[in-house]
Amino acid sequence: MTVLIVEDERTLARELGIFLHNQNFACTVARTAAEARWQLADTPFDFVLLDLGLPDGDGLDVLAEAKQNELAAAVIILTARSAVEDRIGGLELGADDYLAKPFSLPELLARMHAITRRRFGLHKPTVPVGAFSLDLQNRRLLHAGQEVGLSVKEYDVLSYLVLNKNRVLTRLQLTEHIWGNLSEAGFDSNYIDAHIKNLRKKLGQHADTDWLETVRGLGYRVRV
């Protein structure tokens, strides 16, 4: 998944980026309100980690403007502000959660996982798909209780399709979700096609994969 880190403290932004990268998130950093606005207008992120005290403006104003522009990303406010009014203001503007600084990185990750489950209507971290089950918390695909060996990117493609079950995702949507912002000129649909081919080969050794559909001229869909 892709994450926009809106944070002007360089050390914290770097720590967040390293931690989330190690959890297989694709991260982009914005250190000002202006840069955050530009990134949000340009890229469809999955998460926004938003500091409120930015050098050129208030993070709440960035959030309000983004929501007016129909921001789809989940937003977690990360701030040193302790006033209840700020927390209420952020949540009422559409933030999904709020963490006061200093905070634990594992707690942040747990909250991101919880938001993902809520957004996709999941009641537990394991999702059945065909004869398989997807363990979202531990990033594993299981068949008959045994792990099916997938590469990091193969898992990312499959999990995003599963989370968006019964919805057609284009190759560009899948590519941006996994690799982050790509210009149209740099887009190559072969990236996704190769991963889908590998997934079908690996999964097909265990069970049918009829649920992993190619929608000609559009993209791919997991049908359940």
Foldseek 3Di string as FASTA:
>chain_A
DEEEEAAQPVVVVVVLCVVVVVVQYHYDYHQALVSLLVQLVQFQGQEYEFEQDGPPHGSLVSLLVSVVVVRPHAYEYEYQDDDPVVVVSSVVSPHPYYDHPPDDSVVVVVVVQVVLCVVLVHPAQWDDAVQWIARNVVLFIDHPRHTQDDDSLLSLLVVVQRSVAPDFDALVRSCCRNNNDDDPVRDDSVVVVVSVVVVCVRVVVRDHQPQWDADPPGHTHRYD
